[in-house]
Every structure is written in C-alpha cells, then in structure tokens.
Amino acid sequence: QVQLAESGGGLAQPGESLTLSCAASGGRRSEGIFRLYGISWYRQAPGSARELVARILSSGSTDFADSVKGRFTISRDQTKNTAYLQMHNLTTEDTAVYFCMIPGVAWGQGTQLIVSS
C-alpha cells in the first residue's frame, strides 16, 4: 500500500519562502508512482473547504490555482520518490494544512503552514 508523508510546514512570515515535501513509500508499488499518476497538492484553511493548489500530471504538465500562480511551483524527483511544493512570497492567506495526493491512490496526513508576522 502506497503511503504519502508531507513535511516542511511550520511558521513563516509574510514574504518568506518555504518548500513542502511529499515522500511516497510502500515498496515497489511506490517506485516511479509520481511519473505514472502525477501528484497534487491541496490545502485546507480553518473553516474552509479543501482546495486544489497545484498539480503535476503524469505528462509533466502543471496546473496551479489562480491564488498561487507565479508564487508556487511544483516538482517531483523520481529518484527520491518525492514531490515538492515550492512556495514564495507567502501571505497570511496561505495559512492552511497542506496535503499531497496521488489520484486514486493515496492522501497524505497533511502538514500545517502558518504565515504570520
């Protein structure tokens, strides 16, 4: 069974940058899984619904929510079975729990980001 584990969240100040990681594990089935299925990052702010932030498809093409376009990038490292969400120029509205997800396969448990001065 493939499992996802996010890391890298914490406390940041407005304007700062932070990178979240999503590591896949679970034996041979996890190998190359990001290449096969792609990876998505979602976030859920307090009192709000979970929303798609960014995704990278199996083809390698990417897609971003309007609220993060130009500030966030998404990437994957096949050799490490790890995906990343690089976040720049953070604002307080980026405060949320961030989840990674492989469509139809698994969700991570989430990592919290708080952006506050």
PDB file of N, CA and C in Angstrom:
ATOM      1  N   GLN A   1       0.852  -1.196   0.000  1.00  0.00           N
ATOM      2  CA  GLN A   1       0.000   0.000   0.000  1.00  0.00           C
ATOM      3  C   GLN A   1       0.883   1.241   0.000  1.00  0.00           C
ATOM      4  N   VAL A   2       0.620   2.137  -0.918  1.00  0.00           N
ATOM      5  CA  VAL A   2       1.417   3.360  -1.010  1.00  0.00           C
ATOM      6  C   VAL A   2       0.990   4.331   0.079  1.00  0.00           C
ATOM      7  N   GLN A   3       1.963   4.920   0.716  1.00  0.00           N
ATOM      8  CA  GLN A   3       1.706   5.943   1.733  1.00  0.00           C
ATOM      9  C   GLN A   3       2.440   7.217   1.358  1.00  0.00           C
ATOM     10  N   LEU A   4       1.836   8.332   1.710  1.00  0.00           N
ATOM     11  CA  LEU A   4       2.433   9.638   1.448  1.00  0.00           C
ATOM     12  C   LEU A   4       2.666  10.357   2.765  1.00  0.00           C
ATOM     13  N   ALA A   5       3.787  11.019   2.862  1.00  0.00           N
ATOM     14  CA  ALA A   5       4.119  11.760   4.079  1.00  0.00           C
ATOM     15  C   ALA A   5       4.617  13.143   3.713  1.00  0.00           C
ATOM     16  N   GLU A   6       3.883  14.154   4.148  1.00  0.00           N
ATOM     17  CA  GLU A   6       4.297  15.532   3.914  1.00  0.00           C
ATOM     18  C   GLU A   6       5.218  16.004   5.031  1.00  0.00           C
ATOM     19  N   SER A   7       6.063  16.949   4.686  1.00  0.00           N
ATOM     20  CA  SER A   7       6.926  17.587   5.681  1.00  0.00           C
ATOM     21  C   SER A   7       7.288  18.982   5.188  1.00  0.00           C
ATOM     22  N   GLY A   8       7.818  19.776   6.095  1.00  0.00           N
ATOM     23  CA  GLY A   8       8.299  21.097   5.716  1.00  0.00           C
ATOM     24  C   GLY A   8       7.429  22.251   6.157  1.00  0.00           C
ATOM     25  N   GLY A   9       6.277  21.952   6.721  1.00  0.00           N
ATOM     26  CA  GLY A   9       5.428  23.027   7.195  1.00  0.00           C
ATOM     27  C   GLY A   9       6.002  23.674   8.445  1.00  0.00           C
ATOM     28  N   GLY A  10       5.327  24.694   8.895  1.00  0.00           N
ATOM     29  CA  GLY A  10       5.782  25.388  10.100  1.00  0.00           C
ATOM     30  C   GLY A  10       5.287  26.808  10.116  1.00  0.00           C
ATOM     31  N   LEU A  11       6.074  27.676  10.700  1.00  0.00           N
ATOM     32  CA  LEU A  11       5.720  29.083  10.834  1.00  0.00           C
ATOM     33  C   LEU A  11       6.588  29.911   9.903  1.00  0.00           C
ATOM     34  N   ALA A  12       5.958  30.766   9.133  1.00  0.00           N
ATOM     35  CA  ALA A  12       6.691  31.645   8.226  1.00  0.00           C
ATOM     36  C   ALA A  12       6.119  33.044   8.334  1.00  0.00           C
ATOM     37  N   GLN A  13       6.926  34.003   7.936  1.00  0.00           N
ATOM     38  CA  GLN A  13       6.462  35.394   7.918  1.00  0.00           C
ATOM     39  C   GLN A  13       6.031  35.764   6.507  1.00  0.00           C
ATOM     40  N   PRO A  14       5.146  36.711   6.383  1.00  0.00           N
ATOM     41  CA  PRO A  14       4.746  37.162   5.040  1.00  0.00           C
ATOM     42  C   PRO A  14       5.961  37.559   4.220  1.00  0.00           C
ATOM     43  N   GLY A  15       5.938  37.122   2.969  1.00  0.00           N
ATOM     44  CA  GLY A  15       7.042  37.427   2.073  1.00  0.00           C
ATOM     45  C   GLY A  15       8.115  36.367   2.018  1.00  0.00           C
ATOM     46  N   GLU A  16       8.114  35.468   2.971  1.00  0.00           N
ATOM     47  CA  GLU A  16       9.128  34.415   3.002  1.00  0.00           C
ATOM     48  C   GLU A  16       8.795  33.282   2.033  1.00  0.00           C
ATOM     49  N   SER A  17       9.773  32.384   1.903  1.00  0.00           N
ATOM     50  CA  SER A  17       9.617  31.204   1.056  1.00  0.00           C
ATOM     51  C   SER A  17       9.734  29.942   1.894  1.00  0.00           C
ATOM     52  N   LEU A  18       9.095  28.905   1.437  1.00  0.00           N
ATOM     53  CA  LEU A  18       9.122  27.626   2.139  1.00  0.00           C
ATOM     54  C   LEU A  18       8.878  26.528   1.111  1.00  0.00           C
ATOM     55  N   THR A  19       9.479  25.384   1.331  1.00  0.00           N
ATOM     56  CA  THR A  19       9.264  24.244   0.442  1.00  0.00           C
ATOM     57  C   THR A  19       8.683  23.078   1.223  1.00  0.00           C
ATOM     58  N   LEU A  20       7.590  22.560   0.737  1.00  0.00           N
ATOM     59  CA  LEU A  20       6.985  21.362   1.311  1.00  0.00           C
ATOM     60  C   LEU A  20       7.435  20.150   0.512  1.00  0.00           C
ATOM     61  N   SER A  21       7.576  19.032   1.208  1.00  0.00           N
ATOM     62  CA  SER A  21       7.953  17.780   0.559  1.00  0.00           C
ATOM     63  C   SER A  21       6.869  16.747   0.767  1.00  0.00           C
ATOM     64  N   CYS A  22       6.775  15.836  -0.176  1.00  0.00           N
ATOM     65  CA  CYS A  22       5.820  14.734  -0.097  1.00  0.00           C
ATOM     66  C   CYS A  22       6.558  13.473  -0.526  1.00  0.00           C
ATOM     67  N   ALA A  23       6.802  12.604   0.427  1.00  0.00           N
ATOM     68  CA  ALA A  23       7.556  11.386   0.157  1.00  0.00           C
ATOM     69  C   ALA A  23       6.615  10.196   0.046  1.00  0.00           C
ATOM     70  N   ALA A  24       6.789   9.422  -0.988  1.00  0.00           N
ATOM     71  CA  ALA A  24       5.984   8.220  -1.188  1.00  0.00           C
ATOM     72  C   ALA A  24       6.756   6.998  -0.714  1.00  0.00           C
ATOM     73  N   SER A  25       6.058   6.102  -0.055  1.00  0.00           N
ATOM     74  CA  SER A  25       6.667   4.858   0.395  1.00  0.00           C
ATOM     75  C   SER A  25       5.671   3.723   0.197  1.00  0.00           C
ATOM     76  N   GLY A  26       6.168   2.503   0.338  1.00  0.00           N
ATOM     77  CA  GLY A  26       5.263   1.369   0.174  1.00  0.00           C
ATOM     78  C   GLY A  26       5.779   0.324  -0.767  1.00  0.00           C
ATOM     79  N   GLY A  27       7.096   0.231  -0.773  1.00  0.00           N
ATOM     80  CA  GLY A  27       7.673  -0.846  -1.550  1.00  0.00           C
ATOM     81  C   GLY A  27       7.712  -0.559  -3.038  1.00  0.00           C
ATOM     82  N   ARG A  28       7.677  -1.602  -3.820  1.00  0.00           N
ATOM     83  CA  ARG A  28       7.878  -1.472  -5.259  1.00  0.00           C
ATOM     84  C   ARG A  28       6.756  -0.687  -5.910  1.00  0.00           C
ATOM     85  N   ARG A  29       5.559  -0.735  -5.355  1.00  0.00           N
ATOM     86  CA  ARG A  29       4.446  -0.022  -5.979  1.00  0.00           C
ATOM     87  C   ARG A  29       4.652   1.490  -5.917  1.00  0.00           C
ATOM     88  N   SER A  30       5.433   1.948  -4.966  1.00  0.00           N
ATOM     89  CA  SER A  30       5.655   3.387  -4.853  1.00  0.00           C
ATOM     90  C   SER A  30       6.739   3.876  -5.807  1.00  0.00           C
ATOM     91  N   GLU A  31       7.497   2.971  -6.369  1.00  0.00           N
ATOM     92  CA  GLU A  31       8.591   3.401  -7.232  1.00  0.00           C
ATOM     93  C   GLU A  31       8.041   3.986  -8.523  1.00  0.00           C
ATOM     94  N   GLY A  32       8.443   5.217  -8.785  1.00  0.00           N
ATOM     95  CA  GLY A  32       8.006   5.876 -10.015  1.00  0.00           C
ATOM     96  C   GLY A  32       6.535   6.242 -10.041  1.00  0.00           C
ATOM     97  N   ILE A  33       5.914   6.239  -8.889  1.00  0.00           N
ATOM     98  CA  ILE A  33       4.455   6.441  -8.880  1.00  0.00           C
ATOM     99  C   ILE A  33       4.061   7.843  -9.304  1.00  0.00           C
ATOM    100  N   PHE A  34       4.924   8.813  -8.988  1.00  0.00           N
ATOM    101  CA  PHE A  34       4.600  10.175  -9.408  1.00  0.00           C
ATOM    102  C   PHE A  34       4.637  10.305 -10.927  1.00  0.00           C
ATOM    103  N   ARG A  35       5.493   9.555 -11.554  1.00  0.00           N
ATOM    104  CA  ARG A  35       5.559   9.600 -13.007  1.00  0.00           C
ATOM    105  C   ARG A  35       4.327   8.943 -13.615  1.00  0.00           C
ATOM    106  N   LEU A  36       3.831   7.905 -12.981  1.00  0.00           N
ATOM    107  CA  LEU A  36       2.687   7.191 -13.511  1.00  0.00           C
ATOM    108  C   LEU A  36       1.369   7.928 -13.303  1.00  0.00           C
ATOM    109  N   TYR A  37       1.214   8.512 -12.128  1.00  0.00           N
ATOM    110  CA  TYR A  37      -0.087   9.073 -11.766  1.00  0.00           C
ATOM    111  C   TYR A  37      -0.100  10.580 -11.598  1.00  0.00           C
ATOM    112  N   GLY A  38       1.055  11.179 -11.485  1.00  0.00           N
ATOM    113  CA  GLY A  38       1.070  12.598 -11.158  1.00  0.00           C
ATOM    114  C   GLY A  38       0.886  12.790  -9.661  1.00  0.00           C
ATOM    115  N   ILE A  39       0.920  14.054  -9.243  1.00  0.00           N
ATOM    116  CA  ILE A  39       0.804  14.381  -7.832  1.00  0.00           C
ATOM    117  C   ILE A  39       0.098  15.714  -7.709  1.00  0.00           C
ATOM    118  N   SER A  40      -0.734  15.833  -6.705  1.00  0.00           N
ATOM    119  CA  SER A  40      -1.458  17.077  -6.462  1.00  0.00           C
ATOM    120  C   SER A  40      -1.203  17.546  -5.042  1.00  0.00           C
ATOM    121  N   TRP A  41      -1.199  18.842  -4.894  1.00  0.00           N
ATOM    122  CA  TRP A  41      -1.165  19.457  -3.567  1.00  0.00           C
ATOM    123  C   TRP A  41      -2.488  20.179  -3.338  1.00  0.00           C
ATOM    124  N   TYR A  42      -3.084  19.905  -2.190  1.00  0.00           N
ATOM    125  CA  TYR A  42      -4.292  20.574  -1.748  1.00  0.00           C
ATOM    126  C   TYR A  42      -3.986  21.309  -0.445  1.00  0.00           C
ATOM    127  N   ARG A  43      -4.863  22.209  -0.087  1.00  0.00           N
ATOM    128  CA  ARG A  43      -4.757  22.847   1.217  1.00  0.00           C
ATOM    129  C   ARG A  43      -6.148  23.092   1.778  1.00  0.00           C
ATOM    130  N   GLN A  44      -6.185  23.160   3.086  1.00  0.00           N
ATOM    131  CA  GLN A  44      -7.450  23.427   3.768  1.00  0.00           C
ATOM    132  C   GLN A  44      -7.195  24.420   4.884  1.00  0.00           C
ATOM    133  N   ALA A  45      -7.768  25.592   4.712  1.00  0.00           N
ATOM    134  CA  ALA A  45      -7.656  26.625   5.732  1.00  0.00           C
ATOM    135  C   ALA A  45      -8.759  26.425   6.773  1.00  0.00           C
ATOM    136  N   PRO A  46      -8.577  26.935   7.980  1.00  0.00           N
ATOM    137  CA  PRO A  46      -9.605  26.779   9.019  1.00  0.00           C
ATOM    138  C   PRO A  46     -10.961  27.297   8.537  1.00  0.00           C
ATOM    139  N   GLY A  47     -11.976  26.449   8.666  1.00  0.00           N
ATOM    140  CA  GLY A  47     -13.317  26.848   8.300  1.00  0.00           C
ATOM    141  C   GLY A  47     -13.599  26.865   6.811  1.00  0.00           C
ATOM    142  N   SER A  48     -12.649  26.361   6.036  1.00  0.00           N
ATOM    143  CA  SER A  48     -12.816  26.372   4.584  1.00  0.00           C
ATOM    144  C   SER A  48     -12.739  24.964   4.011  1.00  0.00           C
ATOM    145  N   ALA A  49     -13.215  24.833   2.804  1.00  0.00           N
ATOM    146  CA  ALA A  49     -13.142  23.543   2.125  1.00  0.00           C
ATOM    147  C   ALA A  49     -11.726  23.296   1.613  1.00  0.00           C
ATOM    148  N   ARG A  50     -11.404  22.050   1.418  1.00  0.00           N
ATOM    149  CA  ARG A  50     -10.104  21.712   0.845  1.00  0.00           C
ATOM    150  C   ARG A  50     -10.086  22.161  -0.622  1.00  0.00           C
ATOM    151  N   GLU A  51      -8.973  22.766  -1.011  1.00  0.00           N
ATOM    152  CA  GLU A  51      -8.888  23.273  -2.377  1.00  0.00           C
ATOM    153  C   GLU A  51      -7.604  22.807  -3.040  1.00  0.00           C
ATOM    154  N   LEU A  52      -7.679  22.641  -4.344  1.00  0.00           N
ATOM    155  CA  LEU A  52      -6.511  22.264  -5.123  1.00  0.00           C
ATOM    156  C   LEU A  52      -5.582  23.465  -5.244  1.00  0.00           C
ATOM    157  N   VAL A  53      -4.321  23.252  -4.943  1.00  0.00           N
ATOM    158  CA  VAL A  53      -3.326  24.316  -5.036  1.00  0.00           C
ATOM    159  C   VAL A  53      -2.507  24.176  -6.304  1.00  0.00           C
ATOM    160  N   ALA A  54      -2.014  22.978  -6.537  1.00  0.00           N
ATOM    161  CA  ALA A  54      -1.150  22.743  -7.692  1.00  0.00           C
ATOM    162  C   ALA A  54      -1.133  21.261  -7.994  1.00  0.00           C
ATOM    163  N   ARG A  55      -0.843  20.945  -9.236  1.00  0.00           N
ATOM    164  CA  ARG A  55      -0.705  19.551  -9.599  1.00  0.00           C
ATOM    165  C   ARG A  55       0.272  19.409 -10.753  1.00  0.00           C
ATOM    166  N   ILE A  56       0.884  18.270 -10.798  1.00  0.00           N
ATOM    167  CA  ILE A  56       1.734  17.925 -11.925  1.00  0.00           C
ATOM    168  C   ILE A  56       1.225  16.597 -12.447  1.00  0.00           C
ATOM    169  N   LEU A  57       0.902  16.569 -13.718  1.00  0.00           N
ATOM    170  CA  LEU A  57       0.321  15.387 -14.323  1.00  0.00           C
ATOM    171  C   LEU A  57       1.422  14.393 -14.691  1.00  0.00           C
ATOM    172  N   SER A  58       1.004  13.200 -15.041  1.00  0.00           N
ATOM    173  CA  SER A  58       1.983  12.185 -15.432  1.00  0.00           C
ATOM    174  C   SER A  58       2.792  12.652 -16.637  1.00  0.00           C
ATOM    175  N   SER A  59       2.200  13.494 -17.453  1.00  0.00           N
ATOM    176  CA  SER A  59       2.894  14.019 -18.628  1.00  0.00           C
ATOM    177  C   SER A  59       3.972  15.022 -18.264  1.00  0.00           C
ATOM    178  N   GLY A  60       3.883  15.543 -17.037  1.00  0.00           N
ATOM    179  CA  GLY A  60       4.823  16.565 -16.606  1.00  0.00           C
ATOM    180  C   GLY A  60       4.258  17.963 -16.665  1.00  0.00           C
ATOM    181  N   SER A  61       3.099  18.123 -17.270  1.00  0.00           N
ATOM    182  CA  SER A  61       2.481  19.451 -17.306  1.00  0.00           C
ATOM    183  C   SER A  61       1.965  19.805 -15.917  1.00  0.00           C
ATOM    184  N   THR A  62       1.880  21.089 -15.654  1.00  0.00           N
ATOM    185  CA  THR A  62       1.489  21.568 -14.330  1.00  0.00           C
ATOM    186  C   THR A  62       0.271  22.468 -14.404  1.00  0.00           C
ATOM    187  N   ASP A  63      -0.369  22.609 -13.277  1.00  0.00           N
ATOM    188  CA  ASP A  63      -1.583  23.414 -13.177  1.00  0.00           C
ATOM    189  C   ASP A  63      -1.606  24.028 -11.787  1.00  0.00           C
ATOM    190  N   PHE A  64      -2.008  25.291 -11.694  1.00  0.00           N
ATOM    191  CA  PHE A  64      -1.992  26.000 -10.417  1.00  0.00           C
ATOM    192  C   PHE A  64      -3.299  26.741 -10.185  1.00  0.00           C
ATOM    193  N   ALA A  65      -3.668  26.859  -8.919  1.00  0.00           N
ATOM    194  CA  ALA A  65      -4.784  27.718  -8.558  1.00  0.00           C
ATOM    195  C   ALA A  65      -4.405  29.157  -8.848  1.00  0.00           C
ATOM    196  N   ASP A  66      -5.381  29.953  -9.203  1.00  0.00           N
ATOM    197  CA  ASP A  66      -5.109  31.348  -9.527  1.00  0.00           C
ATOM    198  C   ASP A  66      -4.436  32.080  -8.367  1.00  0.00           C
ATOM    199  N   SER A  67      -4.787  31.702  -7.158  1.00  0.00           N
ATOM    200  CA  SER A  67      -4.280  32.404  -5.980  1.00  0.00           C
ATOM    201  C   SER A  67      -2.782  32.185  -5.753  1.00  0.00           C
ATOM    202  N   VAL A  68      -2.211  31.175  -6.392  1.00  0.00           N
ATOM    203  CA  VAL A  68      -0.794  30.893  -6.170  1.00  0.00           C
ATOM    204  C   VAL A  68       0.043  30.983  -7.445  1.00  0.00           C
ATOM    205  N   LYS A  69      -0.589  31.237  -8.558  1.00  0.00           N
ATOM    206  CA  LYS A  69       0.156  31.331  -9.813  1.00  0.00           C
ATOM    207  C   LYS A  69       1.235  32.406  -9.719  1.00  0.00           C
ATOM    208  N   GLY A  70       2.404  32.045 -10.183  1.00  0.00           N
ATOM    209  CA  GLY A  70       3.525  32.969 -10.132  1.00  0.00           C
ATOM    210  C   GLY A  70       4.264  32.965  -8.811  1.00  0.00           C
ATOM    211  N   ARG A  71       3.709  32.323  -7.791  1.00  0.00           N
ATOM    212  CA  ARG A  71       4.364  32.258  -6.478  1.00  0.00           C
ATOM    213  C   ARG A  71       4.778  30.834  -6.098  1.00  0.00           C
ATOM    214  N   PHE A  72       4.002  29.862  -6.529  1.00  0.00           N
ATOM    215  CA  PHE A  72       4.262  28.464  -6.162  1.00  0.00           C
ATOM    216  C   PHE A  72       4.748  27.702  -7.399  1.00  0.00           C
ATOM    217  N   THR A  73       5.614  26.742  -7.170  1.00  0.00           N
ATOM    218  CA  THR A  73       5.989  25.797  -8.215  1.00  0.00           C
ATOM    219  C   THR A  73       5.890  24.389  -7.649  1.00  0.00           C
ATOM    220  N   ILE A  74       5.685  23.445  -8.531  1.00  0.00           N
ATOM    221  CA  ILE A  74       5.558  22.053  -8.138  1.00  0.00           C
ATOM    222  C   ILE A  74       6.566  21.235  -8.930  1.00  0.00           C
ATOM    223  N   SER A  75       7.172  20.277  -8.285  1.00  0.00           N
ATOM    224  CA  SER A  75       8.161  19.449  -8.964  1.00  0.00           C
ATOM    225  C   SER A  75       8.163  18.060  -8.341  1.00  0.00           C
ATOM    226  N   ARG A  76       8.865  17.162  -8.989  1.00  0.00           N
ATOM    227  CA  ARG A  76       8.961  15.793  -8.484  1.00  0.00           C
ATOM    228  C   ARG A  76      10.361  15.260  -8.765  1.00  0.00           C
ATOM    229  N   ASP A  77      10.847  14.474  -7.873  1.00  0.00           N
ATOM    230  CA  ASP A  77      12.148  13.831  -8.027  1.00  0.00           C
ATOM    231  C   ASP A  77      11.897  12.329  -8.044  1.00  0.00           C
ATOM    232  N   GLN A  78      11.975  11.749  -9.238  1.00  0.00           N
ATOM    233  CA  GLN A  78      11.642  10.335  -9.384  1.00  0.00           C
ATOM    234  C   GLN A  78      12.621   9.455  -8.616  1.00  0.00           C
ATOM    235  N   THR A  79      13.868   9.888  -8.541  1.00  0.00           N
ATOM    236  CA  THR A  79      14.882   9.059  -7.884  1.00  0.00           C
ATOM    237  C   THR A  79      14.659   8.984  -6.380  1.00  0.00           C
ATOM    238  N   LYS A  80      14.019  10.006  -5.844  1.00  0.00           N
ATOM    239  CA  LYS A  80      13.771  10.044  -4.402  1.00  0.00           C
ATOM    240  C   LYS A  80      12.320   9.737  -4.068  1.00  0.00           C
ATOM    241  N   ASN A  81      11.494   9.503  -5.085  1.00  0.00           N
ATOM    242  CA  ASN A  81      10.056   9.274  -4.842  1.00  0.00           C
ATOM    243  C   ASN A  81       9.471  10.403  -4.006  1.00  0.00           C
ATOM    244  N   THR A  82       9.872  11.610  -4.320  1.00  0.00           N
ATOM    245  CA  THR A  82       9.460  12.764  -3.533  1.00  0.00           C
ATOM    246  C   THR A  82       8.990  13.876  -4.459  1.00  0.00           C
ATOM    247  N   ALA A  83       7.933  14.536  -4.038  1.00  0.00           N
ATOM    248  CA  ALA A  83       7.425  15.695  -4.758  1.00  0.00           C
ATOM    249  C   ALA A  83       7.564  16.910  -3.865  1.00  0.00           C
ATOM    250  N   TYR A  84       7.599  18.062  -4.492  1.00  0.00           N
ATOM    251  CA  TYR A  84       7.839  19.292  -3.741  1.00  0.00           C
ATOM    252  C   TYR A  84       6.825  20.364  -4.140  1.00  0.00           C
ATOM    253  N   LEU A  85       6.528  21.208  -3.193  1.00  0.00           N
ATOM    254  CA  LEU A  85       5.765  22.411  -3.462  1.00  0.00           C
ATOM    255  C   LEU A  85       6.591  23.578  -2.945  1.00  0.00           C
ATOM    256  N   GLN A  86       7.131  24.339  -3.877  1.00  0.00           N
ATOM    257  CA  GLN A  86       7.966  25.482  -3.507  1.00  0.00           C
ATOM    258  C   GLN A  86       7.087  26.710  -3.478  1.00  0.00           C
ATOM    259  N   MET A  87       7.073  27.376  -2.350  1.00  0.00           N
ATOM    260  CA  MET A  87       6.176  28.496  -2.128  1.00  0.00           C
ATOM    261  C   MET A  87       6.994  29.758  -1.868  1.00  0.00           C
ATOM    262  N   HIS A  88       6.685  30.791  -2.614  1.00  0.00           N
ATOM    263  CA  HIS A  88       7.404  32.059  -2.479  1.00  0.00           C
ATOM    264  C   HIS A  88       6.422  33.178  -2.176  1.00  0.00           C
ATOM    265  N   ASN A  89       6.964  34.244  -1.608  1.00  0.00           N
ATOM    266  CA  ASN A  89       6.157  35.432  -1.316  1.00  0.00           C
ATOM    267  C   ASN A  89       4.867  35.039  -0.581  1.00  0.00           C
ATOM    268  N   LEU A  90       5.047  34.303   0.489  1.00  0.00           N
ATOM    269  CA  LEU A  90       3.902  33.812   1.248  1.00  0.00           C
ATOM    270  C   LEU A  90       3.086  34.957   1.825  1.00  0.00           C
ATOM    271  N   THR A  91       1.788  34.731   1.915  1.00  0.00           N
ATOM    272  CA  THR A  91       0.879  35.677   2.544  1.00  0.00           C
ATOM    273  C   THR A  91       0.109  34.964   3.653  1.00  0.00           C
ATOM    274  N   THR A  92      -0.568  35.732   4.473  1.00  0.00           N
ATOM    275  CA  THR A  92      -1.342  35.135   5.566  1.00  0.00           C
ATOM    276  C   THR A  92      -2.450  34.237   5.022  1.00  0.00           C
ATOM    277  N   GLU A  93      -2.886  34.508   3.804  1.00  0.00           N
ATOM    278  CA  GLU A  93      -3.940  33.689   3.204  1.00  0.00           C
ATOM    279  C   GLU A  93      -3.443  32.316   2.764  1.00  0.00           C
ATOM    280  N   ASP A  94      -2.140  32.096   2.829  1.00  0.00           N
ATOM    281  CA  ASP A  94      -1.590  30.769   2.537  1.00  0.00           C
ATOM    282  C   ASP A  94      -1.620  29.866   3.760  1.00  0.00           C
ATOM    283  N   THR A  95      -2.018  30.415   4.890  1.00  0.00           N
ATOM    284  CA  THR A  95      -2.116  29.615   6.108  1.00  0.00           C
ATOM    285  C   THR A  95      -3.139  28.506   5.918  1.00  0.00           C
ATOM    286  N   ALA A  96      -2.703  27.274   6.112  1.00  0.00           N
ATOM    287  CA  ALA A  96      -3.578  26.122   5.891  1.00  0.00           C
ATOM    288  C   ALA A  96      -2.812  24.844   6.228  1.00  0.00           C
ATOM    289  N   VAL A  97      -3.552  23.759   6.234  1.00  0.00           N
ATOM    290  CA  VAL A  97      -2.917  22.441   6.257  1.00  0.00           C
ATOM    291  C   VAL A  97      -2.781  21.994   4.805  1.00  0.00           C
ATOM    292  N   TYR A  98      -1.585  21.590   4.435  1.00  0.00           N
ATOM    293  CA  TYR A  98      -1.290  21.210   3.060  1.00  0.00           C
ATOM    294  C   TYR A  98      -1.199  19.686   2.954  1.00  0.00           C
ATOM    295  N   PHE A  99      -1.866  19.165   1.948  1.00  0.00           N
ATOM    296  CA  PHE A  99      -1.905  17.725   1.721  1.00  0.00           C
ATOM    297  C   PHE A  99      -1.378  17.411   0.326  1.00  0.00           C
ATOM    298  N   CYS A 100      -0.680  16.306   0.195  1.00  0.00           N
ATOM    299  CA  CYS A 100      -0.370  15.816  -1.137  1.00  0.00           C
ATOM    300  C   CYS A 100      -1.247  14.594  -1.419  1.00  0.00           C
ATOM    301  N   MET A 101      -1.460  14.370  -2.689  1.00  0.00           N
ATOM    302  CA  MET A 101      -2.408  13.329  -3.081  1.00  0.00           C
ATOM    303  C   MET A 101      -2.014  12.746  -4.423  1.00  0.00           C
ATOM    304  N   ILE A 102      -2.081  11.451  -4.527  1.00  0.00           N
ATOM    305  CA  ILE A 102      -1.945  10.773  -5.809  1.00  0.00           C
ATOM    306  C   ILE A 102      -3.332  10.306  -6.202  1.00  0.00           C
ATOM    307  N   PRO A 103      -3.847  10.746  -7.318  1.00  0.00           N
ATOM    308  CA  PRO A 103      -5.229  10.426  -7.691  1.00  0.00           C
ATOM    309  C   PRO A 103      -5.515   8.933  -7.654  1.00  0.00           C
ATOM    310  N   GLY A 104      -6.548   8.589  -6.891  1.00  0.00           N
ATOM    311  CA  GLY A 104      -6.982   7.211  -6.831  1.00  0.00           C
ATOM    312  C   GLY A 104      -6.087   6.292  -6.038  1.00  0.00           C
ATOM    313  N   VAL A 105      -5.068   6.867  -5.403  1.00  0.00           N
ATOM    314  CA  VAL A 105      -4.097   6.006  -4.720  1.00  0.00           C
ATOM    315  C   VAL A 105      -3.989   6.336  -3.232  1.00  0.00           C
ATOM    316  N   ALA A 106      -3.677   7.568  -2.921  1.00  0.00           N
ATOM    317  CA  ALA A 106      -3.432   7.889  -1.510  1.00  0.00           C
ATOM    318  C   ALA A 106      -3.461   9.377  -1.253  1.00  0.00           C
ATOM    319  N   TRP A 107      -3.738   9.718  -0.008  1.00  0.00           N
ATOM    320  CA  TRP A 107      -3.622  11.073   0.526  1.00  0.00           C
ATOM    321  C   TRP A 107      -2.587  11.030   1.654  1.00  0.00           C
ATOM    322  N   GLY A 108      -1.876  12.127   1.805  1.00  0.00           N
ATOM    323  CA  GLY A 108      -1.033  12.252   2.970  1.00  0.00           C
ATOM    324  C   GLY A 108      -1.832  12.751   4.161  1.00  0.00           C
ATOM    325  N   GLN A 109      -1.165  12.832   5.294  1.00  0.00           N
ATOM    326  CA  GLN A 109      -1.833  13.267   6.525  1.00  0.00           C
ATOM    327  C   GLN A 109      -1.835  14.779   6.669  1.00  0.00           C
ATOM    328  N   GLY A 110      -1.018  15.446   5.913  1.00  0.00           N
ATOM    329  CA  GLY A 110      -1.019  16.910   5.943  1.00  0.00           C
ATOM    330  C   GLY A 110       0.106  17.491   6.774  1.00  0.00           C
ATOM    331  N   THR A 111       0.516  18.671   6.394  1.00  0.00           N
ATOM    332  CA  THR A 111       1.493  19.444   7.158  1.00  0.00           C
ATOM    333  C   THR A 111       0.975  20.873   7.261  1.00  0.00           C
ATOM    334  N   GLN A 112       1.075  21.433   8.447  1.00  0.00           N
ATOM    335  CA  GLN A 112       0.477  22.745   8.683  1.00  0.00           C
ATOM    336  C   GLN A 112       1.462  23.867   8.378  1.00  0.00           C
ATOM    337  N   LEU A 113       0.956  24.872   7.718  1.00  0.00           N
ATOM    338  CA  LEU A 113       1.714  26.090   7.469  1.00  0.00           C
ATOM    339  C   LEU A 113       0.949  27.265   8.075  1.00  0.00           C
ATOM    340  N   ILE A 114       1.646  28.027   8.876  1.00  0.00           N
ATOM    341  CA  ILE A 114       1.083  29.253   9.431  1.00  0.00           C
ATOM    342  C   ILE A 114       1.936  30.411   8.974  1.00  0.00           C
ATOM    343  N   VAL A 115       1.309  31.342   8.304  1.00  0.00           N
ATOM    344  CA  VAL A 115       2.016  32.537   7.845  1.00  0.00           C
ATOM    345  C   VAL A 115       1.515  33.711   8.685  1.00  0.00           C
ATOM    346  N   SER A 116       2.407  34.259   9.452  1.00  0.00           N
ATOM    347  CA  SER A 116       2.019  35.316  10.372  1.00  0.00           C
ATOM    348  C   SER A 116       3.221  36.192  10.687  1.00  0.00           C
ATOM    349  N   SER A 117       2.949  37.470  10.875  1.00  0.00           N
ATOM    350  CA  SER A 117       4.015  38.380  11.264  1.00  0.00           C
ATOM    351  C   SER A 117       4.098  38.481  12.784  1.00  0.00           C
TER     352      SER A 117
END
